[in-house]
Amino acid sequence: MNRILVVEDNPLIGMVIQTALTDDGHNVEVRKNALEGLYLMKSGYVPDLLLTDLIMQGMGGRDLIQRMRNDNQLRHIPAVIITAAIPNRDNLPEANQYQGFLSKPFNIDDLLRTVNCII
């Protein structure tokens, strides 16, 4: 069973992702912002995969991923960006810092396929 951390500020989207991934056999933790997700990981929860929204209040997904890549204990965790924003060089991390990208609204089959190809 893979451990997946979902960082999503929309509770409905977080619940949909959690339900789909749990039904697919994964252990899923959901946090409503990047600081909560980072705190959880710094507290010892090391997921097999991070799914993060790109644009959130405070710290966004780009900053979360960059902080992970600068942390020896977290840099190995693959990351998937999920966003409704139009991606550009100002809001995306560098291409080598994330392993997947899903545009909202996304298809559950695409979500599962992306996750299962990475972990």
PDB file of N, CA and C in Angstrom:
ATOM      1  N   MET A   1       0.854  -1.179   0.000  1.00  0.00           N
ATOM      2  CA  MET A   1       0.000   0.000   0.000  1.00  0.00           C
ATOM      3  C   MET A   1       0.896   1.237   0.000  1.00  0.00           C
ATOM      4  N   ASN A   2       0.737   2.079  -0.986  1.00  0.00           N
ATOM      5  CA  ASN A   2       1.529   3.295  -1.109  1.00  0.00           C
ATOM      6  C   ASN A   2       0.924   4.422  -0.295  1.00  0.00           C
ATOM      7  N   ARG A   3       1.801   5.250   0.248  1.00  0.00           N
ATOM      8  CA  ARG A   3       1.369   6.414   1.022  1.00  0.00           C
ATOM      9  C   ARG A   3       1.415   7.639   0.119  1.00  0.00           C
ATOM     10  N   ILE A   4       0.281   8.321   0.037  1.00  0.00           N
ATOM     11  CA  ILE A   4       0.166   9.487  -0.837  1.00  0.00           C
ATOM     12  C   ILE A   4      -0.301  10.682  -0.012  1.00  0.00           C
ATOM     13  N   LEU A   5       0.390  11.795  -0.170  1.00  0.00           N
ATOM     14  CA  LEU A   5      -0.010  13.042   0.457  1.00  0.00           C
ATOM     15  C   LEU A   5      -0.643  13.929  -0.604  1.00  0.00           C
ATOM     16  N   VAL A   6      -1.849  14.381  -0.326  1.00  0.00           N
ATOM     17  CA  VAL A   6      -2.569  15.296  -1.210  1.00  0.00           C
ATOM     18  C   VAL A   6      -2.633  16.654  -0.518  1.00  0.00           C
ATOM     19  N   VAL A   7      -2.145  17.683  -1.179  1.00  0.00           N
ATOM     20  CA  VAL A   7      -2.230  19.049  -0.668  1.00  0.00           C
ATOM     21  C   VAL A   7      -3.152  19.806  -1.610  1.00  0.00           C
ATOM     22  N   GLU A   8      -4.352  20.075  -1.121  1.00  0.00           N
ATOM     23  CA  GLU A   8      -5.418  20.663  -1.955  1.00  0.00           C
ATOM     24  C   GLU A   8      -6.277  21.561  -1.081  1.00  0.00           C
ATOM     25  N   ASP A   9      -6.437  22.821  -1.485  1.00  0.00           N
ATOM     26  CA  ASP A   9      -7.206  23.769  -0.681  1.00  0.00           C
ATOM     27  C   ASP A   9      -8.712  23.696  -0.905  1.00  0.00           C
ATOM     28  N   ASN A  10      -9.155  22.988  -1.914  1.00  0.00           N
ATOM     29  CA  ASN A  10     -10.590  22.799  -2.139  1.00  0.00           C
ATOM     30  C   ASN A  10     -10.997  21.474  -1.494  1.00  0.00           C
ATOM     31  N   PRO A  11     -11.789  21.521  -0.406  1.00  0.00           N
ATOM     32  CA  PRO A  11     -12.122  20.291   0.319  1.00  0.00           C
ATOM     33  C   PRO A  11     -12.836  19.242  -0.542  1.00  0.00           C
ATOM     34  N   LEU A  12     -13.667  19.663  -1.463  1.00  0.00           N
ATOM     35  CA  LEU A  12     -14.381  18.717  -2.313  1.00  0.00           C
ATOM     36  C   LEU A  12     -13.410  17.972  -3.237  1.00  0.00           C
ATOM     37  N   ILE A  13     -12.494  18.697  -3.836  1.00  0.00           N
ATOM     38  CA  ILE A  13     -11.508  18.056  -4.715  1.00  0.00           C
ATOM     39  C   ILE A  13     -10.604  17.130  -3.902  1.00  0.00           C
ATOM     40  N   GLY A  14     -10.190  17.579  -2.719  1.00  0.00           N
ATOM     41  CA  GLY A  14      -9.387  16.729  -1.848  1.00  0.00           C
ATOM     42  C   GLY A  14     -10.101  15.433  -1.496  1.00  0.00           C
ATOM     43  N   MET A  15     -11.404  15.528  -1.213  1.00  0.00           N
ATOM     44  CA  MET A  15     -12.191  14.346  -0.867  1.00  0.00           C
ATOM     45  C   MET A  15     -12.322  13.398  -2.065  1.00  0.00           C
ATOM     46  N   VAL A  16     -12.543  13.942  -3.247  1.00  0.00           N
ATOM     47  CA  VAL A  16     -12.656  13.118  -4.458  1.00  0.00           C
ATOM     48  C   VAL A  16     -11.348  12.370  -4.711  1.00  0.00           C
ATOM     49  N   ILE A  17     -10.233  13.086  -4.609  1.00  0.00           N
ATOM     50  CA  ILE A  17      -8.927  12.451  -4.816  1.00  0.00           C
ATOM     51  C   ILE A  17      -8.692  11.373  -3.768  1.00  0.00           C
ATOM     52  N   GLN A  18      -8.960  11.693  -2.511  1.00  0.00           N
ATOM     53  CA  GLN A  18      -8.748  10.729  -1.432  1.00  0.00           C
ATOM     54  C   GLN A  18      -9.601   9.483  -1.639  1.00  0.00           C
ATOM     55  N   THR A  19     -10.851   9.655  -1.987  1.00  0.00           N
ATOM     56  CA  THR A  19     -11.745   8.518  -2.193  1.00  0.00           C
ATOM     57  C   THR A  19     -11.269   7.649  -3.355  1.00  0.00           C
ATOM     58  N   ALA A  20     -10.936   8.284  -4.465  1.00  0.00           N
ATOM     59  CA  ALA A  20     -10.497   7.521  -5.643  1.00  0.00           C
ATOM     60  C   ALA A  20      -9.220   6.740  -5.352  1.00  0.00           C
ATOM     61  N   LEU A  21      -8.259   7.388  -4.702  1.00  0.00           N
ATOM     62  CA  LEU A  21      -6.986   6.722  -4.435  1.00  0.00           C
ATOM     63  C   LEU A  21      -7.108   5.663  -3.344  1.00  0.00           C
ATOM     64  N   THR A  22      -7.949   5.907  -2.354  1.00  0.00           N
ATOM     65  CA  THR A  22      -8.184   4.912  -1.306  1.00  0.00           C
ATOM     66  C   THR A  22      -8.863   3.687  -1.906  1.00  0.00           C
ATOM     67  N   ASP A  23      -9.857   3.915  -2.746  1.00  0.00           N
ATOM     68  CA  ASP A  23     -10.536   2.798  -3.423  1.00  0.00           C
ATOM     69  C   ASP A  23      -9.576   2.011  -4.304  1.00  0.00           C
ATOM     70  N   ASP A  24      -8.510   2.659  -4.769  1.00  0.00           N
ATOM     71  CA  ASP A  24      -7.501   2.009  -5.610  1.00  0.00           C
ATOM     72  C   ASP A  24      -6.422   1.307  -4.771  1.00  0.00           C
ATOM     73  N   GLY A  25      -6.560   1.369  -3.444  1.00  0.00           N
ATOM     74  CA  GLY A  25      -5.653   0.636  -2.566  1.00  0.00           C
ATOM     75  C   GLY A  25      -4.528   1.436  -1.944  1.00  0.00           C
ATOM     76  N   HIS A  26      -4.590   2.751  -2.041  1.00  0.00           N
ATOM     77  CA  HIS A  26      -3.538   3.596  -1.482  1.00  0.00           C
ATOM     78  C   HIS A  26      -3.948   4.141  -0.117  1.00  0.00           C
ATOM     79  N   ASN A  27      -2.950   4.470   0.683  1.00  0.00           N
ATOM     80  CA  ASN A  27      -3.156   5.140   1.966  1.00  0.00           C
ATOM     81  C   ASN A  27      -2.981   6.630   1.704  1.00  0.00           C
ATOM     82  N   VAL A  28      -4.013   7.429   1.945  1.00  0.00           N
ATOM     83  CA  VAL A  28      -4.007   8.829   1.530  1.00  0.00           C
ATOM     84  C   VAL A  28      -4.205   9.764   2.715  1.00  0.00           C
ATOM     85  N   GLU A  29      -3.331  10.748   2.813  1.00  0.00           N
ATOM     86  CA  GLU A  29      -3.465  11.849   3.763  1.00  0.00           C
ATOM     87  C   GLU A  29      -3.754  13.106   2.957  1.00  0.00           C
ATOM     88  N   VAL A  30      -4.675  13.938   3.438  1.00  0.00           N
ATOM     89  CA  VAL A  30      -5.012  15.189   2.758  1.00  0.00           C
ATOM     90  C   VAL A  30      -4.737  16.351   3.695  1.00  0.00           C
ATOM     91  N   ARG A  31      -4.088  17.367   3.170  1.00  0.00           N
ATOM     92  CA  ARG A  31      -3.866  18.605   3.911  1.00  0.00           C
ATOM     93  C   ARG A  31      -4.372  19.754   3.057  1.00  0.00           C
ATOM     94  N   LYS A  32      -4.891  20.800   3.732  1.00  0.00           N
ATOM     95  CA  LYS A  32      -5.562  21.885   3.009  1.00  0.00           C
ATOM     96  C   LYS A  32      -4.648  23.003   2.526  1.00  0.00           C
ATOM     97  N   ASN A  33      -3.369  22.958   2.921  1.00  0.00           N
ATOM     98  CA  ASN A  33      -2.437  23.950   2.394  1.00  0.00           C
ATOM     99  C   ASN A  33      -1.011  23.411   2.434  1.00  0.00           C
ATOM    100  N   ALA A  34      -0.129  24.110   1.744  1.00  0.00           N
ATOM    101  CA  ALA A  34       1.250  23.635   1.593  1.00  0.00           C
ATOM    102  C   ALA A  34       2.000  23.606   2.920  1.00  0.00           C
ATOM    103  N   LEU A  35       1.753  24.586   3.779  1.00  0.00           N
ATOM    104  CA  LEU A  35       2.443  24.589   5.069  1.00  0.00           C
ATOM    105  C   LEU A  35       2.073  23.368   5.904  1.00  0.00           C
ATOM    106  N   GLU A  36       0.793  22.994   5.901  1.00  0.00           N
ATOM    107  CA  GLU A  36       0.375  21.796   6.631  1.00  0.00           C
ATOM    108  C   GLU A  36       1.013  20.545   6.037  1.00  0.00           C
ATOM    109  N   GLY A  37       1.091  20.486   4.718  1.00  0.00           N
ATOM    110  CA  GLY A  37       1.718  19.344   4.066  1.00  0.00           C
ATOM    111  C   GLY A  37       3.196  19.256   4.386  1.00  0.00           C
ATOM    112  N   LEU A  38       3.883  20.383   4.332  1.00  0.00           N
ATOM    113  CA  LEU A  38       5.307  20.413   4.647  1.00  0.00           C
ATOM    114  C   LEU A  38       5.541  20.036   6.108  1.00  0.00           C
ATOM    115  N   TYR A  39       4.725  20.563   7.004  1.00  0.00           N
ATOM    116  CA  TYR A  39       4.842  20.241   8.428  1.00  0.00           C
ATOM    117  C   TYR A  39       4.666  18.737   8.662  1.00  0.00           C
ATOM    118  N   LEU A  40       3.680  18.143   8.002  1.00  0.00           N
ATOM    119  CA  LEU A  40       3.449  16.704   8.149  1.00  0.00           C
ATOM    120  C   LEU A  40       4.678  15.915   7.717  1.00  0.00           C
ATOM    121  N   MET A  41       5.253  16.287   6.584  1.00  0.00           N
ATOM    122  CA  MET A  41       6.433  15.571   6.099  1.00  0.00           C
ATOM    123  C   MET A  41       7.639  15.808   7.005  1.00  0.00           C
ATOM    124  N   LYS A  42       7.817  17.024   7.491  1.00  0.00           N
ATOM    125  CA  LYS A  42       8.937  17.318   8.394  1.00  0.00           C
ATOM    126  C   LYS A  42       8.758  16.616   9.740  1.00  0.00           C
ATOM    127  N   SER A  43       7.514  16.253  10.066  1.00  0.00           N
ATOM    128  CA  SER A  43       7.226  15.560  11.326  1.00  0.00           C
ATOM    129  C   SER A  43       7.424  14.054  11.221  1.00  0.00           C
ATOM    130  N   GLY A  44       7.849  13.579  10.060  1.00  0.00           N
ATOM    131  CA  GLY A  44       8.167  12.167   9.921  1.00  0.00           C
ATOM    132  C   GLY A  44       7.306  11.379   8.953  1.00  0.00           C
ATOM    133  N   TYR A  45       6.225  11.961   8.446  1.00  0.00           N
ATOM    134  CA  TYR A  45       5.400  11.268   7.451  1.00  0.00           C
ATOM    135  C   TYR A  45       6.067  11.460   6.095  1.00  0.00           C
ATOM    136  N   VAL A  46       6.598  10.376   5.550  1.00  0.00           N
ATOM    137  CA  VAL A  46       7.271  10.456   4.253  1.00  0.00           C
ATOM    138  C   VAL A  46       6.433   9.678   3.239  1.00  0.00           C
ATOM    139  N   PRO A  47       5.702  10.405   2.395  1.00  0.00           N
ATOM    140  CA  PRO A  47       4.850   9.728   1.421  1.00  0.00           C
ATOM    141  C   PRO A  47       5.659   9.164   0.252  1.00  0.00           C
ATOM    142  N   ASP A  48       5.039   8.238  -0.460  1.00  0.00           N
ATOM    143  CA  ASP A  48       5.629   7.703  -1.682  1.00  0.00           C
ATOM    144  C   ASP A  48       5.373   8.634  -2.862  1.00  0.00           C
ATOM    145  N   LEU A  49       4.407   9.543  -2.693  1.00  0.00           N
ATOM    146  CA  LEU A  49       4.034  10.475  -3.756  1.00  0.00           C
ATOM    147  C   LEU A  49       3.328  11.676  -3.144  1.00  0.00           C
ATOM    148  N   LEU A  50       3.604  12.853  -3.700  1.00  0.00           N
ATOM    149  CA  LEU A  50       2.900  14.073  -3.337  1.00  0.00           C
ATOM    150  C   LEU A  50       2.045  14.498  -4.521  1.00  0.00           C
ATOM    151  N   LEU A  51       0.779  14.796  -4.263  1.00  0.00           N
ATOM    152  CA  LEU A  51      -0.105  15.440  -5.237  1.00  0.00           C
ATOM    153  C   LEU A  51      -0.409  16.814  -4.670  1.00  0.00           C
ATOM    154  N   THR A  52      -0.092  17.867  -5.398  1.00  0.00           N
ATOM    155  CA  THR A  52      -0.309  19.202  -4.859  1.00  0.00           C
ATOM    156  C   THR A  52      -0.975  20.131  -5.858  1.00  0.00           C
ATOM    157  N   ASP A  53      -1.878  20.925  -5.318  1.00  0.00           N
ATOM    158  CA  ASP A  53      -2.450  22.016  -6.087  1.00  0.00           C
ATOM    159  C   ASP A  53      -1.331  23.019  -6.341  1.00  0.00           C
ATOM    160  N   LEU A  54      -1.413  23.743  -7.405  1.00  0.00           N
ATOM    161  CA  LEU A  54      -0.371  24.699  -7.759  1.00  0.00           C
ATOM    162  C   LEU A  54      -0.605  26.049  -7.082  1.00  0.00           C
ATOM    163  N   ILE A  55      -1.830  26.553  -7.167  1.00  0.00           N
ATOM    164  CA  ILE A  55      -2.150  27.882  -6.653  1.00  0.00           C
ATOM    165  C   ILE A  55      -2.988  27.736  -5.383  1.00  0.00           C
ATOM    166  N   MET A  56      -2.411  28.171  -4.256  1.00  0.00           N
ATOM    167  CA  MET A  56      -3.108  28.136  -2.963  1.00  0.00           C
ATOM    168  C   MET A  56      -2.747  29.409  -2.198  1.00  0.00           C
ATOM    169  N   GLN A  57      -3.577  29.751  -1.199  1.00  0.00           N
ATOM    170  CA  GLN A  57      -3.264  30.883  -0.334  1.00  0.00           C
ATOM    171  C   GLN A  57      -1.946  30.621   0.381  1.00  0.00           C
ATOM    172  N   GLY A  58      -1.162  31.643   0.573  1.00  0.00           N
ATOM    173  CA  GLY A  58       0.126  31.473   1.243  1.00  0.00           C
ATOM    174  C   GLY A  58       1.105  30.777   0.311  1.00  0.00           C
ATOM    175  N   MET A  59       1.690  29.712   0.793  1.00  0.00           N
ATOM    176  CA  MET A  59       2.648  28.952  -0.009  1.00  0.00           C
ATOM    177  C   MET A  59       1.897  28.104  -1.025  1.00  0.00           C
ATOM    178  N   GLY A  60       2.310  28.164  -2.280  1.00  0.00           N
ATOM    179  CA  GLY A  60       1.700  27.360  -3.326  1.00  0.00           C
ATOM    180  C   GLY A  60       2.472  26.074  -3.571  1.00  0.00           C
ATOM    181  N   GLY A  61       2.002  25.302  -4.508  1.00  0.00           N
ATOM    182  CA  GLY A  61       2.621  24.031  -4.841  1.00  0.00           C
ATOM    183  C   GLY A  61       4.040  24.170  -5.361  1.00  0.00           C
ATOM    184  N   ARG A  62       4.301  25.226  -6.099  1.00  0.00           N
ATOM    185  CA  ARG A  62       5.660  25.454  -6.616  1.00  0.00           C
ATOM    186  C   ARG A  62       6.648  25.580  -5.462  1.00  0.00           C
ATOM    187  N   ASP A  63       6.315  26.414  -4.478  1.00  0.00           N
ATOM    188  CA  ASP A  63       7.208  26.607  -3.340  1.00  0.00           C
ATOM    189  C   ASP A  63       7.330  25.339  -2.501  1.00  0.00           C
ATOM    190  N   LEU A  64       6.239  24.619  -2.353  1.00  0.00           N
ATOM    191  CA  LEU A  64       6.282  23.360  -1.605  1.00  0.00           C
ATOM    192  C   LEU A  64       7.259  22.387  -2.256  1.00  0.00           C
ATOM    193  N   ILE A  65       7.147  22.222  -3.549  1.00  0.00           N
ATOM    194  CA  ILE A  65       8.034  21.300  -4.262  1.00  0.00           C
ATOM    195  C   ILE A  65       9.484  21.773  -4.182  1.00  0.00           C
ATOM    196  N   GLN A  66       9.708  23.072  -4.320  1.00  0.00           N
ATOM    197  CA  GLN A  66      11.078  23.581  -4.235  1.00  0.00           C
ATOM    198  C   GLN A  66      11.666  23.349  -2.846  1.00  0.00           C
ATOM    199  N   ARG A  67      10.869  23.523  -1.814  1.00  0.00           N
ATOM    200  CA  ARG A  67      11.361  23.256  -0.453  1.00  0.00           C
ATOM    201  C   ARG A  67      11.674  21.775  -0.270  1.00  0.00           C
ATOM    202  N   MET A  68      10.846  20.922  -0.843  1.00  0.00           N
ATOM    203  CA  MET A  68      11.115  19.485  -0.767  1.00  0.00           C
ATOM    204  C   MET A  68      12.428  19.143  -1.467  1.00  0.00           C
ATOM    205  N   ARG A  69      12.663  19.718  -2.622  1.00  0.00           N
ATOM    206  CA  ARG A  69      13.868  19.407  -3.387  1.00  0.00           C
ATOM    207  C   ARG A  69      15.136  19.902  -2.694  1.00  0.00           C
ATOM    208  N   ASN A  70      14.986  20.867  -1.787  1.00  0.00           N
ATOM    209  CA  ASN A  70      16.122  21.379  -1.026  1.00  0.00           C
ATOM    210  C   ASN A  70      16.297  20.686   0.321  1.00  0.00           C
ATOM    211  N   ASP A  71      15.487  19.676   0.605  1.00  0.00           N
ATOM    212  CA  ASP A  71      15.540  18.953   1.873  1.00  0.00           C
ATOM    213  C   ASP A  71      16.016  17.526   1.606  1.00  0.00           C
ATOM    214  N   ASN A  72      17.117  17.133   2.210  1.00  0.00           N
ATOM    215  CA  ASN A  72      17.688  15.805   1.965  1.00  0.00           C
ATOM    216  C   ASN A  72      16.729  14.666   2.270  1.00  0.00           C
ATOM    217  N   GLN A  73      15.841  14.841   3.242  1.00  0.00           N
ATOM    218  CA  GLN A  73      14.915  13.768   3.604  1.00  0.00           C
ATOM    219  C   GLN A  73      13.686  13.703   2.694  1.00  0.00           C
ATOM    220  N   LEU A  74      13.424  14.771   1.962  1.00  0.00           N
ATOM    221  CA  LEU A  74      12.200  14.836   1.154  1.00  0.00           C
ATOM    222  C   LEU A  74      12.457  14.914  -0.343  1.00  0.00           C
ATOM    223  N   ARG A  75      13.684  15.166  -0.747  1.00  0.00           N
ATOM    224  CA  ARG A  75      13.959  15.444  -2.168  1.00  0.00           C
ATOM    225  C   ARG A  75      13.640  14.289  -3.096  1.00  0.00           C
ATOM    226  N   HIS A  76      13.608  13.078  -2.592  1.00  0.00           N
ATOM    227  CA  HIS A  76      13.366  11.898  -3.433  1.00  0.00           C
ATOM    228  C   HIS A  76      11.882  11.656  -3.729  1.00  0.00           C
ATOM    229  N   ILE A  77      10.990  12.357  -3.048  1.00  0.00           N
ATOM    230  CA  ILE A  77       9.549  12.108  -3.182  1.00  0.00           C
ATOM    231  C   ILE A  77       9.055  12.668  -4.520  1.00  0.00           C
ATOM    232  N   PRO A  78       8.475  11.815  -5.366  1.00  0.00           N
ATOM    233  CA  PRO A  78       7.933  12.322  -6.629  1.00  0.00           C
ATOM    234  C   PRO A  78       6.713  13.219  -6.376  1.00  0.00           C
ATOM    235  N   ALA A  79       6.512  14.172  -7.262  1.00  0.00           N
ATOM    236  CA  ALA A  79       5.424  15.132  -7.107  1.00  0.00           C
ATOM    237  C   ALA A  79       4.612  15.237  -8.390  1.00  0.00           C
ATOM    238  N   VAL A  80       3.302  15.367  -8.205  1.00  0.00           N
ATOM    239  CA  VAL A  80       2.373  15.598  -9.309  1.00  0.00           C
ATOM    240  C   VAL A  80       1.631  16.890  -9.011  1.00  0.00           C
ATOM    241  N   ILE A  81       1.582  17.768  -9.984  1.00  0.00           N
ATOM    242  CA  ILE A  81       0.862  19.028  -9.858  1.00  0.00           C
ATOM    243  C   ILE A  81      -0.540  18.848 -10.417  1.00  0.00           C
ATOM    244  N   ILE A  82      -1.511  19.347  -9.649  1.00  0.00           N
ATOM    245  CA  ILE A  82      -2.910  19.343 -10.084  1.00  0.00           C
ATOM    246  C   ILE A  82      -3.378  20.795 -10.032  1.00  0.00           C
ATOM    247  N   THR A  83      -3.831  21.326 -11.161  1.00  0.00           N
ATOM    248  CA  THR A  83      -4.186  22.746 -11.169  1.00  0.00           C
ATOM    249  C   THR A  83      -5.225  23.082 -12.227  1.00  0.00           C
ATOM    250  N   ALA A  84      -5.958  24.142 -11.949  1.00  0.00           N
ATOM    251  CA  ALA A  84      -6.862  24.728 -12.935  1.00  0.00           C
ATOM    252  C   ALA A  84      -6.213  25.958 -13.564  1.00  0.00           C
ATOM    253  N   ALA A  85      -5.065  26.369 -13.006  1.00  0.00           N
ATOM    254  CA  ALA A  85      -4.363  27.552 -13.518  1.00  0.00           C
ATOM    255  C   ALA A  85      -3.704  27.248 -14.860  1.00  0.00           C
ATOM    256  N   ILE A  86      -3.509  28.282 -15.614  1.00  0.00           N
ATOM    257  CA  ILE A  86      -2.754  28.143 -16.853  1.00  0.00           C
ATOM    258  C   ILE A  86      -1.281  28.100 -16.453  1.00  0.00           C
ATOM    259  N   PRO A  87      -0.625  26.961 -16.689  1.00  0.00           N
ATOM    260  CA  PRO A  87       0.763  26.846 -16.256  1.00  0.00           C
ATOM    261  C   PRO A  87       1.690  27.732 -17.087  1.00  0.00           C
ATOM    262  N   ASN A  88       2.638  28.349 -16.392  1.00  0.00           N
ATOM    263  CA  ASN A  88       3.655  29.157 -17.059  1.00  0.00           C
ATOM    264  C   ASN A  88       4.925  29.133 -16.222  1.00  0.00           C
ATOM    265  N   ARG A  89       5.976  29.718 -16.716  1.00  0.00           N
ATOM    266  CA  ARG A  89       7.257  29.642 -16.016  1.00  0.00           C
ATOM    267  C   ARG A  89       7.250  30.388 -14.688  1.00  0.00           C
ATOM    268  N   ASP A  90       6.263  31.257 -14.469  1.00  0.00           N
ATOM    269  CA  ASP A  90       6.175  31.988 -13.204  1.00  0.00           C
ATOM    270  C   ASP A  90       5.499  31.190 -12.100  1.00  0.00           C
ATOM    271  N   ASN A  91       4.681  30.186 -12.457  1.00  0.00           N
ATOM    272  CA  ASN A  91       4.001  29.442 -11.405  1.00  0.00           C
ATOM    273  C   ASN A  91       4.394  27.964 -11.327  1.00  0.00           C
ATOM    274  N   LEU A  92       5.078  27.453 -12.336  1.00  0.00           N
ATOM    275  CA  LEU A  92       5.510  26.052 -12.308  1.00  0.00           C
ATOM    276  C   LEU A  92       6.926  25.929 -11.751  1.00  0.00           C
ATOM    277  N   PRO A  93       7.180  24.845 -11.024  1.00  0.00           N
ATOM    278  CA  PRO A  93       8.578  24.559 -10.678  1.00  0.00           C
ATOM    279  C   PRO A  93       9.339  24.176 -11.945  1.00  0.00           C
ATOM    280  N   GLU A  94      10.641  24.057 -11.832  1.00  0.00           N
ATOM    281  CA  GLU A  94      11.433  23.609 -12.976  1.00  0.00           C
ATOM    282  C   GLU A  94      10.976  22.209 -13.374  1.00  0.00           C
ATOM    283  N   ALA A  95      11.051  21.888 -14.648  1.00  0.00           N
ATOM    284  CA  ALA A  95      10.509  20.633 -15.181  1.00  0.00           C
ATOM    285  C   ALA A  95      11.075  19.399 -14.500  1.00  0.00           C
ATOM    286  N   ASN A  96      12.299  19.433 -14.052  1.00  0.00           N
ATOM    287  CA  ASN A  96      12.888  18.252 -13.411  1.00  0.00           C
ATOM    288  C   ASN A  96      12.478  18.095 -11.952  1.00  0.00           C
ATOM    289  N   GLN A  97      11.684  19.023 -11.426  1.00  0.00           N
ATOM    290  CA  GLN A  97      11.274  18.958 -10.026  1.00  0.00           C
ATOM    291  C   GLN A  97       9.934  18.251  -9.812  1.00  0.00           C
ATOM    292  N   TYR A  98       9.181  18.005 -10.864  1.00  0.00           N
ATOM    293  CA  TYR A  98       7.912  17.298 -10.713  1.00  0.00           C
ATOM    294  C   TYR A  98       7.794  16.230 -11.793  1.00  0.00           C
ATOM    295  N   GLN A  99       7.022  15.192 -11.480  1.00  0.00           N
ATOM    296  CA  GLN A  99       6.965  14.021 -12.347  1.00  0.00           C
ATOM    297  C   GLN A  99       5.639  13.860 -13.083  1.00  0.00           C
ATOM    298  N   GLY A 100       4.653  14.664 -12.734  1.00  0.00           N
ATOM    299  CA  GLY A 100       3.361  14.553 -13.403  1.00  0.00           C
ATOM    300  C   GLY A 100       2.575  15.841 -13.301  1.00  0.00           C
ATOM    301  N   PHE A 101       1.581  15.973 -14.185  1.00  0.00           N
ATOM    302  CA  PHE A 101       0.761  17.180 -14.241  1.00  0.00           C
ATOM    303  C   PHE A 101      -0.646  16.791 -14.656  1.00  0.00           C
ATOM    304  N   LEU A 102      -1.637  17.254 -13.889  1.00  0.00           N
ATOM    305  CA  LEU A 102      -3.044  17.029 -14.229  1.00  0.00           C
ATOM    306  C   LEU A 102      -3.771  18.364 -14.206  1.00  0.00           C
ATOM    307  N   SER A 103      -4.534  18.646 -15.251  1.00  0.00           N
ATOM    308  CA  SER A 103      -5.342  19.861 -15.305  1.00  0.00           C
ATOM    309  C   SER A 103      -6.715  19.585 -14.721  1.00  0.00           C
ATOM    310  N   LYS A 104      -7.193  20.546 -13.916  1.00  0.00           N
ATOM    311  CA  LYS A 104      -8.556  20.469 -13.393  1.00  0.00           C
ATOM    312  C   LYS A 104      -9.483  21.058 -14.439  1.00  0.00           C
ATOM    313  N   PRO A 105     -10.646  20.498 -14.649  1.00  0.00           N
ATOM    314  CA  PRO A 105     -11.112  19.261 -14.038  1.00  0.00           C
ATOM    315  C   PRO A 105     -10.420  18.064 -14.684  1.00  0.00           C
ATOM    316  N   PHE A 106     -10.096  17.101 -13.870  1.00  0.00           N
ATOM    317  CA  PHE A 106      -9.395  15.915 -14.364  1.00  0.00           C
ATOM    318  C   PHE A 106     -10.330  14.716 -14.324  1.00  0.00           C
ATOM    319  N   ASN A 107     -10.000  13.743 -15.109  1.00  0.00           N
ATOM    320  CA  ASN A 107     -10.736  12.488 -15.155  1.00  0.00           C
ATOM    321  C   ASN A 107     -10.121  11.556 -14.107  1.00  0.00           C
ATOM    322  N   ILE A 108     -10.950  10.861 -13.349  1.00  0.00           N
ATOM    323  CA  ILE A 108     -10.453   9.949 -12.312  1.00  0.00           C
ATOM    324  C   ILE A 108      -9.525   8.897 -12.914  1.00  0.00           C
ATOM    325  N   ASP A 109      -9.845   8.401 -14.090  1.00  0.00           N
ATOM    326  CA  ASP A 109      -8.969   7.415 -14.734  1.00  0.00           C
ATOM    327  C   ASP A 109      -7.592   8.005 -15.021  1.00  0.00           C
ATOM    328  N   ASP A 110      -7.539   9.274 -15.434  1.00  0.00           N
ATOM    329  CA  ASP A 110      -6.251   9.937 -15.661  1.00  0.00           C
ATOM    330  C   ASP A 110      -5.480  10.093 -14.356  1.00  0.00           C
ATOM    331  N   LEU A 111      -6.191  10.428 -13.277  1.00  0.00           N
ATOM    332  CA  LEU A 111      -5.568  10.530 -11.960  1.00  0.00           C
ATOM    333  C   LEU A 111      -4.934   9.198 -11.569  1.00  0.00           C
ATOM    334  N   LEU A 112      -5.700   8.127 -11.656  1.00  0.00           N
ATOM    335  CA  LEU A 112      -5.209   6.803 -11.264  1.00  0.00           C
ATOM    336  C   LEU A 112      -4.057   6.361 -12.149  1.00  0.00           C
ATOM    337  N   ARG A 113      -4.164   6.597 -13.428  1.00  0.00           N
ATOM    338  CA  ARG A 113      -3.103   6.213 -14.360  1.00  0.00           C
ATOM    339  C   ARG A 113      -1.808   6.973 -14.043  1.00  0.00           C
ATOM    340  N   THR A 114      -1.927   8.269 -13.793  1.00  0.00           N
ATOM    341  CA  THR A 114      -0.752   9.087 -13.468  1.00  0.00           C
ATOM    342  C   THR A 114      -0.088   8.595 -12.193  1.00  0.00           C
ATOM    343  N   VAL A 115      -0.895   8.407 -11.152  1.00  0.00           N
ATOM    344  CA  VAL A 115      -0.355   7.942  -9.863  1.00  0.00           C
ATOM    345  C   VAL A 115       0.302   6.595 -10.004  1.00  0.00           C
ATOM    346  N   ASN A 116      -0.382   5.657 -10.633  1.00  0.00           N
ATOM    347  CA  ASN A 116       0.139   4.297 -10.714  1.00  0.00           C
ATOM    348  C   ASN A 116       1.332   4.161 -11.658  1.00  0.00           C
ATOM    349  N   CYS A 117       1.528   5.103 -12.567  1.00  0.00           N
ATOM    350  CA  CYS A 117       2.720   5.087 -13.417  1.00  0.00           C
ATOM    351  C   CYS A 117       3.943   5.610 -12.669  1.00  0.00           C
ATOM    352  N   ILE A 118       3.720   6.435 -11.666  1.00  0.00           N
ATOM    353  CA  ILE A 118       4.831   7.051 -10.952  1.00  0.00           C
ATOM    354  C   ILE A 118       5.284   6.213  -9.760  1.00  0.00           C
ATOM    355  N   ILE A 119       4.321   5.607  -9.062  1.00  0.00           N
ATOM    356  CA  ILE A 119       4.734   4.817  -7.878  1.00  0.00           C
ATOM    357  C   ILE A 119       4.609   3.337  -8.107  1.00  0.00           C
TER     358      ILE A 119
END
